[in-house]
């Protein structure tokens, strides 16, 4: 039929080459050789996204080997599901690494300070959404309290522009940041697309950043002053109320 011919002409050269290569490595006169060939052929069919195309080649293999076409398709389906599982695992692993900051080249500190970095990003988005709250936010959280250097710089620039009465949009930040850095800020905003960050959210972000900042001071060997420890413990008490 014309449909079959179109499928074969579209991808036949590649598929047939792969099948022929597998066949050349198998002794088709022996049962083991035939099984090895069909197993390899099923791997090839599993890579085909078009079901009709799979059936065409399964039919050819059935004629060539004397094995029922449905059995060949069943084997191809099993291998296809296995390929999909592996693909999904890889995608999930990549997503998890990205979420945890392992692939963040713009803010490499994020992977080591994930909780603080996420709170910093949320607060930055809040300032984009509510520039009128900049004075209150900056009073509650000086820039030096930020944990990660990149987010601190974004925070400082946003506060500076708002303080000077300048517009503060993603485009307005382009002057002092690289393309990759602007893309990173755009990603922050995209994560909160259609989500309004409230003043309560901002307060919680500030608390998290201050907690993490205090924790770092306490954990820093030789730099933990009694006052730092007291402030950190007091902040924890306030959070538990």
C-alpha atoms as a PDB file:
ATOM      1  CA  UNK A   1       0.000   0.000   0.000  1.00  0.00           C
ATOM      2  CA  UNK A   2       1.039   3.591  -0.609  1.00  0.00           C
ATOM      3  CA  UNK A   3       1.090   4.391   3.126  1.00  0.00           C
ATOM      4  CA  UNK A   4       3.573   1.605   3.817  1.00  0.00           C
ATOM      5  CA  UNK A   5       5.814   2.691   0.953  1.00  0.00           C
ATOM      6  CA  UNK A   6       5.861   6.266   2.283  1.00  0.00           C
ATOM      7  CA  UNK A   7       6.885   5.076   5.738  1.00  0.00           C
ATOM      8  CA  UNK A   8       9.626   2.880   4.395  1.00  0.00           C
ATOM      9  CA  UNK A   9      10.970   5.574   2.099  1.00  0.00           C
ATOM     10  CA  UNK A  10      10.956   8.146   4.912  1.00  0.00           C
ATOM     11  CA  UNK A  11      13.023   6.164   7.396  1.00  0.00           C
ATOM     12  CA  UNK A  12      13.747   2.856   5.735  1.00  0.00           C
ATOM     13  CA  UNK A  13      17.380   3.485   4.936  1.00  0.00           C
ATOM     14  CA  UNK A  14      18.329   4.092   8.565  1.00  0.00           C
ATOM     15  CA  UNK A  15      16.168   1.327  10.045  1.00  0.00           C
ATOM     16  CA  UNK A  16      17.131  -1.215   7.418  1.00  0.00           C
ATOM     17  CA  UNK A  17      20.796  -0.375   7.845  1.00  0.00           C
ATOM     18  CA  UNK A  18      20.566  -0.943  11.608  1.00  0.00           C
ATOM     19  CA  UNK A  19      18.683  -4.209  11.145  1.00  0.00           C
ATOM     20  CA  UNK A  20      21.144  -5.400   8.527  1.00  0.00           C
ATOM     21  CA  UNK A  21      24.068  -4.562  10.791  1.00  0.00           C
ATOM     22  CA  UNK A  22      22.549  -6.610  13.631  1.00  0.00           C
ATOM     23  CA  UNK A  23      21.760  -9.483  11.267  1.00  0.00           C
ATOM     24  CA  UNK A  24      25.331  -9.594   9.963  1.00  0.00           C
ATOM     25  CA  UNK A  25      26.545 -10.276  13.497  1.00  0.00           C
ATOM     26  CA  UNK A  26      24.168 -13.188  14.086  1.00  0.00           C
ATOM     27  CA  UNK A  27      24.216 -16.771  12.841  1.00  0.00           C
ATOM     28  CA  UNK A  28      20.678 -17.061  11.516  1.00  0.00           C
ATOM     29  CA  UNK A  29      21.069 -20.823  11.087  1.00  0.00           C
ATOM     30  CA  UNK A  30      21.055 -21.370  14.847  1.00  0.00           C
ATOM     31  CA  UNK A  31      18.231 -20.740  17.340  1.00  0.00           C
ATOM     32  CA  UNK A  32      20.524 -18.596  19.508  1.00  0.00           C
ATOM     33  CA  UNK A  33      21.524 -16.495  16.520  1.00  0.00           C
ATOM     34  CA  UNK A  34      17.907 -15.946  15.532  1.00  0.00           C
ATOM     35  CA  UNK A  35      16.970 -14.984  19.112  1.00  0.00           C
ATOM     36  CA  UNK A  36      19.870 -12.533  19.290  1.00  0.00           C
ATOM     37  CA  UNK A  37      18.819 -11.004  15.983  1.00  0.00           C
ATOM     38  CA  UNK A  38      15.189 -10.608  17.043  1.00  0.00           C
ATOM     39  CA  UNK A  39      16.213  -9.097  20.373  1.00  0.00           C
ATOM     40  CA  UNK A  40      18.385  -6.527  18.619  1.00  0.00           C
ATOM     41  CA  UNK A  41      15.666  -5.887  16.044  1.00  0.00           C
ATOM     42  CA  UNK A  42      13.156  -5.290  18.853  1.00  0.00           C
ATOM     43  CA  UNK A  43      15.544  -2.659  20.239  1.00  0.00           C
ATOM     44  CA  UNK A  44      15.456  -0.927  16.860  1.00  0.00           C
ATOM     45  CA  UNK A  45      11.657  -1.084  16.629  1.00  0.00           C
ATOM     46  CA  UNK A  46      11.396   0.329  20.151  1.00  0.00           C
ATOM     47  CA  UNK A  47      13.034   3.538  18.925  1.00  0.00           C
ATOM     48  CA  UNK A  48      10.333   4.100  16.285  1.00  0.00           C
ATOM     49  CA  UNK A  49       7.613   6.489  17.429  1.00  0.00           C
ATOM     50  CA  UNK A  50       5.157   5.637  14.658  1.00  0.00           C
ATOM     51  CA  UNK A  51       3.106   2.517  15.453  1.00  0.00           C
ATOM     52  CA  UNK A  52       2.322   1.779  11.811  1.00  0.00           C
ATOM     53  CA  UNK A  53       6.018   1.916  11.016  1.00  0.00           C
ATOM     54  CA  UNK A  54       6.706  -0.564  13.816  1.00  0.00           C
ATOM     55  CA  UNK A  55       4.102  -2.932  12.415  1.00  0.00           C
ATOM     56  CA  UNK A  56       5.586  -2.705   8.920  1.00  0.00           C
ATOM     57  CA  UNK A  57       9.029  -3.764  10.089  1.00  0.00           C
ATOM     58  CA  UNK A  58       7.611  -6.331  12.506  1.00  0.00           C
ATOM     59  CA  UNK A  59       5.833  -7.894   9.526  1.00  0.00           C
ATOM     60  CA  UNK A  60       9.072  -8.012   7.569  1.00  0.00           C
ATOM     61  CA  UNK A  61      10.878  -9.593  10.504  1.00  0.00           C
ATOM     62  CA  UNK A  62       8.083 -12.143  10.881  1.00  0.00           C
ATOM     63  CA  UNK A  63       8.440 -13.171   7.233  1.00  0.00           C
ATOM     64  CA  UNK A  64      12.208 -13.320   7.547  1.00  0.00           C
ATOM     65  CA  UNK A  65      12.398 -15.332  10.771  1.00  0.00           C
ATOM     66  CA  UNK A  66       9.121 -17.241  10.875  1.00  0.00           C
ATOM     67  CA  UNK A  67       8.250 -15.712  14.255  1.00  0.00           C
ATOM     68  CA  UNK A  68       4.742 -14.338  14.739  1.00  0.00           C
ATOM     69  CA  UNK A  69       4.503 -10.587  14.175  1.00  0.00           C
ATOM     70  CA  UNK A  70       2.520 -10.042  17.394  1.00  0.00           C
ATOM     71  CA  UNK A  71       5.329 -11.668  19.406  1.00  0.00           C
ATOM     72  CA  UNK A  72       7.870  -9.332  17.820  1.00  0.00           C
ATOM     73  CA  UNK A  73       5.684  -6.305  18.543  1.00  0.00           C
ATOM     74  CA  UNK A  74       5.186  -7.463  22.130  1.00  0.00           C
ATOM     75  CA  UNK A  75       8.948  -7.604  22.627  1.00  0.00           C
ATOM     76  CA  UNK A  76       9.359  -4.181  21.014  1.00  0.00           C
ATOM     77  CA  UNK A  77       6.678  -2.750  23.319  1.00  0.00           C
ATOM     78  CA  UNK A  78       8.473  -4.089  26.394  1.00  0.00           C
ATOM     79  CA  UNK A  79      11.729  -2.530  25.289  1.00  0.00           C
ATOM     80  CA  UNK A  80       9.950   0.715  24.431  1.00  0.00           C
ATOM     81  CA  UNK A  81       8.475   0.934  27.938  1.00  0.00           C
ATOM     82  CA  UNK A  82      11.892   0.256  29.432  1.00  0.00           C
ATOM     83  CA  UNK A  83      13.413   3.023  27.310  1.00  0.00           C
ATOM     84  CA  UNK A  84      10.689   5.400  28.468  1.00  0.00           C
ATOM     85  CA  UNK A  85      11.298   4.524  32.121  1.00  0.00           C
ATOM     86  CA  UNK A  86      15.011   5.220  31.733  1.00  0.00           C
ATOM     87  CA  UNK A  87      14.254   8.493  29.948  1.00  0.00           C
ATOM     88  CA  UNK A  88      11.817   9.565  32.670  1.00  0.00           C
ATOM     89  CA  UNK A  89      14.351   8.753  35.385  1.00  0.00           C
ATOM     90  CA  UNK A  90      17.012  10.808  33.624  1.00  0.00           C
ATOM     91  CA  UNK A  91      14.626  13.722  33.160  1.00  0.00           C
ATOM     92  CA  UNK A  92      13.539  13.551  36.797  1.00  0.00           C
ATOM     93  CA  UNK A  93      17.157  13.407  37.952  1.00  0.00           C
ATOM     94  CA  UNK A  94      18.004  16.412  35.788  1.00  0.00           C
ATOM     95  CA  UNK A  95      14.961  18.281  37.125  1.00  0.00           C
ATOM     96  CA  UNK A  96      15.870  17.428  40.720  1.00  0.00           C
ATOM     97  CA  UNK A  97      19.440  18.602  40.199  1.00  0.00           C
ATOM     98  CA  UNK A  98      18.256  21.816  38.608  1.00  0.00           C
ATOM     99  CA  UNK A  99      15.748  22.439  41.402  1.00  0.00           C
ATOM    100  CA  UNK A 100      18.455  21.816  43.982  1.00  0.00           C
ATOM    101  CA  UNK A 101      20.760  24.263  42.226  1.00  0.00           C
ATOM    102  CA  UNK A 102      23.352  21.730  41.064  1.00  0.00           C
ATOM    103  CA  UNK A 103      23.222  23.042  37.507  1.00  0.00           C
ATOM    104  CA  UNK A 104      22.981  26.700  38.426  1.00  0.00           C
ATOM    105  CA  UNK A 105      26.092  28.287  36.936  1.00  0.00           C
ATOM    106  CA  UNK A 106      24.862  31.842  37.570  1.00  0.00           C
ATOM    107  CA  UNK A 107      24.347  31.266  41.289  1.00  0.00           C
ATOM    108  CA  UNK A 108      26.663  28.346  42.153  1.00  0.00           C
ATOM    109  CA  UNK A 109      26.189  28.979  45.886  1.00  0.00           C
ATOM    110  CA  UNK A 110      22.539  27.936  45.626  1.00  0.00           C
ATOM    111  CA  UNK A 111      23.266  24.212  45.861  1.00  0.00           C
ATOM    112  CA  UNK A 112      24.945  24.718  49.245  1.00  0.00           C
ATOM    113  CA  UNK A 113      22.316  27.137  50.581  1.00  0.00           C
ATOM    114  CA  UNK A 114      19.127  25.949  48.900  1.00  0.00           C
ATOM    115  CA  UNK A 115      16.682  27.077  51.600  1.00  0.00           C
ATOM    116  CA  UNK A 116      18.162  30.558  51.796  1.00  0.00           C
ATOM    117  CA  UNK A 117      18.502  30.932  48.016  1.00  0.00           C
ATOM    118  CA  UNK A 118      14.870  29.976  47.426  1.00  0.00           C
ATOM    119  CA  UNK A 119      13.759  32.511  50.043  1.00  0.00           C
ATOM    120  CA  UNK A 120      15.986  35.153  48.444  1.00  0.00           C
ATOM    121  CA  UNK A 121      14.430  34.494  45.053  1.00  0.00           C
ATOM    122  CA  UNK A 122      10.930  34.738  46.496  1.00  0.00           C
ATOM    123  CA  UNK A 123      11.773  38.076  48.099  1.00  0.00           C
ATOM    124  CA  UNK A 124      13.236  39.394  44.848  1.00  0.00           C
ATOM    125  CA  UNK A 125      10.026  38.479  43.037  1.00  0.00           C
ATOM    126  CA  UNK A 126       8.043  40.223  45.789  1.00  0.00           C
ATOM    127  CA  UNK A 127       9.957  43.450  45.129  1.00  0.00           C
ATOM    128  CA  UNK A 128       9.230  43.181  41.417  1.00  0.00           C
ATOM    129  CA  UNK A 129       5.544  42.760  42.204  1.00  0.00           C
ATOM    130  CA  UNK A 130       5.435  45.330  45.035  1.00  0.00           C
ATOM    131  CA  UNK A 131       8.122  48.002  44.525  1.00  0.00           C
ATOM    132  CA  UNK A 132       6.267  50.238  46.998  1.00  0.00           C
ATOM    133  CA  UNK A 133       7.313  47.826  49.775  1.00  0.00           C
ATOM    134  CA  UNK A 134      11.034  48.313  49.109  1.00  0.00           C
ATOM    135  CA  UNK A 135      11.586  50.623  52.087  1.00  0.00           C
ATOM    136  CA  UNK A 136       9.996  48.254  54.567  1.00  0.00           C
ATOM    137  CA  UNK A 137      11.786  45.232  53.123  1.00  0.00           C
ATOM    138  CA  UNK A 138      15.227  46.871  53.072  1.00  0.00           C
ATOM    139  CA  UNK A 139      14.777  48.021  56.672  1.00  0.00           C
ATOM    140  CA  UNK A 140      13.925  44.486  57.759  1.00  0.00           C
ATOM    141  CA  UNK A 141      16.645  42.850  55.679  1.00  0.00           C
ATOM    142  CA  UNK A 142      19.869  44.697  54.803  1.00  0.00           C
ATOM    143  CA  UNK A 143      21.522  43.382  51.645  1.00  0.00           C
ATOM    144  CA  UNK A 144      24.504  42.019  53.570  1.00  0.00           C
ATOM    145  CA  UNK A 145      22.204  39.466  55.195  1.00  0.00           C
ATOM    146  CA  UNK A 146      21.693  37.711  51.869  1.00  0.00           C
ATOM    147  CA  UNK A 147      23.530  34.397  51.714  1.00  0.00           C
ATOM    148  CA  UNK A 148      24.253  34.048  47.994  1.00  0.00           C
ATOM    149  CA  UNK A 149      26.273  36.704  46.185  1.00  0.00           C
ATOM    150  CA  UNK A 150      24.264  36.743  42.960  1.00  0.00           C
ATOM    151  CA  UNK A 151      20.897  37.169  44.665  1.00  0.00           C
ATOM    152  CA  UNK A 152      22.425  39.821  46.921  1.00  0.00           C
ATOM    153  CA  UNK A 153      23.544  41.796  43.881  1.00  0.00           C
ATOM    154  CA  UNK A 154      20.106  41.549  42.266  1.00  0.00           C
ATOM    155  CA  UNK A 155      18.505  42.651  45.543  1.00  0.00           C
ATOM    156  CA  UNK A 156      20.846  45.641  45.862  1.00  0.00           C
ATOM    157  CA  UNK A 157      20.249  46.792  42.286  1.00  0.00           C
ATOM    158  CA  UNK A 158      16.466  46.522  42.625  1.00  0.00           C
ATOM    159  CA  UNK A 159      16.455  48.464  45.904  1.00  0.00           C
ATOM    160  CA  UNK A 160      18.771  51.093  44.424  1.00  0.00           C
ATOM    161  CA  UNK A 161      16.577  51.660  41.384  1.00  0.00           C
ATOM    162  CA  UNK A 162      13.404  51.881  43.446  1.00  0.00           C
ATOM    163  CA  UNK A 163      15.050  54.254  45.938  1.00  0.00           C
ATOM    164  CA  UNK A 164      16.127  56.523  43.080  1.00  0.00           C
ATOM    165  CA  UNK A 165      12.641  56.513  41.604  1.00  0.00           C
ATOM    166  CA  UNK A 166      13.648  54.547  38.526  1.00  0.00           C
ATOM    167  CA  UNK A 167      11.639  51.869  36.773  1.00  0.00           C
ATOM    168  CA  UNK A 168      12.466  48.342  37.833  1.00  0.00           C
ATOM    169  CA  UNK A 169      11.492  45.768  35.258  1.00  0.00           C
ATOM    170  CA  UNK A 170      13.489  42.912  33.804  1.00  0.00           C
ATOM    171  CA  UNK A 171      14.511  45.140  30.898  1.00  0.00           C
ATOM    172  CA  UNK A 172      15.705  47.842  33.293  1.00  0.00           C
ATOM    173  CA  UNK A 173      18.154  45.390  34.883  1.00  0.00           C
ATOM    174  CA  UNK A 174      19.886  44.494  31.625  1.00  0.00           C
ATOM    175  CA  UNK A 175      22.498  47.230  31.948  1.00  0.00           C
ATOM    176  CA  UNK A 176      24.356  45.732  34.886  1.00  0.00           C
ATOM    177  CA  UNK A 177      23.892  42.038  34.211  1.00  0.00           C
ATOM    178  CA  UNK A 178      24.978  39.500  31.622  1.00  0.00           C
ATOM    179  CA  UNK A 179      22.544  37.701  29.341  1.00  0.00           C
ATOM    180  CA  UNK A 180      22.769  34.552  31.475  1.00  0.00           C
ATOM    181  CA  UNK A 181      22.165  36.539  34.656  1.00  0.00           C
ATOM    182  CA  UNK A 182      19.109  38.259  33.188  1.00  0.00           C
ATOM    183  CA  UNK A 183      17.854  34.831  32.120  1.00  0.00           C
ATOM    184  CA  UNK A 184      18.278  33.635  35.709  1.00  0.00           C
ATOM    185  CA  UNK A 185      16.183  36.537  37.017  1.00  0.00           C
ATOM    186  CA  UNK A 186      13.587  35.870  34.314  1.00  0.00           C
ATOM    187  CA  UNK A 187      13.434  32.278  35.521  1.00  0.00           C
ATOM    188  CA  UNK A 188      12.719  33.480  39.070  1.00  0.00           C
ATOM    189  CA  UNK A 189       9.822  35.572  37.788  1.00  0.00           C
ATOM    190  CA  UNK A 190       8.529  32.721  35.629  1.00  0.00           C
ATOM    191  CA  UNK A 191       8.366  30.411  38.640  1.00  0.00           C
ATOM    192  CA  UNK A 192       5.924  32.824  40.271  1.00  0.00           C
ATOM    193  CA  UNK A 193       3.936  33.462  37.100  1.00  0.00           C
ATOM    194  CA  UNK A 194       0.278  34.006  38.007  1.00  0.00           C
ATOM    195  CA  UNK A 195       1.206  33.697  41.691  1.00  0.00           C
ATOM    196  CA  UNK A 196       0.941  36.790  43.876  1.00  0.00           C
ATOM    197  CA  UNK A 197       3.634  36.955  46.550  1.00  0.00           C
ATOM    198  CA  UNK A 198       2.005  38.474  49.631  1.00  0.00           C
ATOM    199  CA  UNK A 199       3.458  40.607  52.410  1.00  0.00           C
ATOM    200  CA  UNK A 200       3.125  37.602  54.696  1.00  0.00           C
ATOM    201  CA  UNK A 201       5.143  35.518  52.233  1.00  0.00           C
ATOM    202  CA  UNK A 202       7.795  38.239  52.121  1.00  0.00           C
ATOM    203  CA  UNK A 203       7.967  38.268  55.911  1.00  0.00           C
ATOM    204  CA  UNK A 204       8.501  34.520  55.955  1.00  0.00           C
ATOM    205  CA  UNK A 205      11.227  34.800  53.316  1.00  0.00           C
ATOM    206  CA  UNK A 206      12.977  37.432  55.412  1.00  0.00           C
ATOM    207  CA  UNK A 207      12.771  35.222  58.505  1.00  0.00           C
ATOM    208  CA  UNK A 208      14.264  32.283  56.607  1.00  0.00           C
ATOM    209  CA  UNK A 209      17.151  34.379  55.282  1.00  0.00           C
ATOM    210  CA  UNK A 210      17.890  35.777  58.736  1.00  0.00           C
ATOM    211  CA  UNK A 211      17.748  32.289  60.231  1.00  0.00           C
ATOM    212  CA  UNK A 212      20.141  30.912  57.638  1.00  0.00           C
ATOM    213  CA  UNK A 213      22.433  33.897  58.068  1.00  0.00           C
ATOM    214  CA  UNK A 214      22.508  33.370  61.819  1.00  0.00           C
ATOM    215  CA  UNK A 215      23.087  29.658  61.373  1.00  0.00           C
ATOM    216  CA  UNK A 216      26.109  30.348  59.176  1.00  0.00           C
ATOM    217  CA  UNK A 217      27.587  32.646  61.800  1.00  0.00           C
ATOM    218  CA  UNK A 218      27.120  30.061  64.531  1.00  0.00           C
ATOM    219  CA  UNK A 219      28.574  27.269  62.390  1.00  0.00           C
ATOM    220  CA  UNK A 220      31.605  29.270  61.289  1.00  0.00           C
ATOM    221  CA  UNK A 221      34.497  27.982  63.332  1.00  0.00           C
ATOM    222  CA  UNK A 222      36.209  30.686  65.322  1.00  0.00           C
ATOM    223  CA  UNK A 223      33.802  33.423  64.230  1.00  0.00           C
ATOM    224  CA  UNK A 224      30.786  32.621  66.364  1.00  0.00           C
ATOM    225  CA  UNK A 225      30.529  35.458  68.848  1.00  0.00           C
ATOM    226  CA  UNK A 226      28.284  35.120  71.927  1.00  0.00           C
ATOM    227  CA  UNK A 227      26.083  37.909  70.588  1.00  0.00           C
ATOM    228  CA  UNK A 228      25.635  36.082  67.256  1.00  0.00           C
ATOM    229  CA  UNK A 229      24.597  32.925  69.071  1.00  0.00           C
ATOM    230  CA  UNK A 230      22.154  34.800  71.313  1.00  0.00           C
ATOM    231  CA  UNK A 231      20.578  36.564  68.334  1.00  0.00           C
ATOM    232  CA  UNK A 232      20.222  33.293  66.467  1.00  0.00           C
ATOM    233  CA  UNK A 233      18.602  31.532  69.420  1.00  0.00           C
ATOM    234  CA  UNK A 234      16.263  34.465  70.036  1.00  0.00           C
ATOM    235  CA  UNK A 235      15.180  34.385  66.403  1.00  0.00           C
ATOM    236  CA  UNK A 236      14.432  30.674  66.652  1.00  0.00           C
ATOM    237  CA  UNK A 237      12.331  31.315  69.765  1.00  0.00           C
ATOM    238  CA  UNK A 238      10.341  33.973  67.921  1.00  0.00           C
ATOM    239  CA  UNK A 239       9.676  31.544  65.088  1.00  0.00           C
ATOM    240  CA  UNK A 240       8.271  28.945  67.484  1.00  0.00           C
ATOM    241  CA  UNK A 241       5.754  31.329  69.053  1.00  0.00           C
END
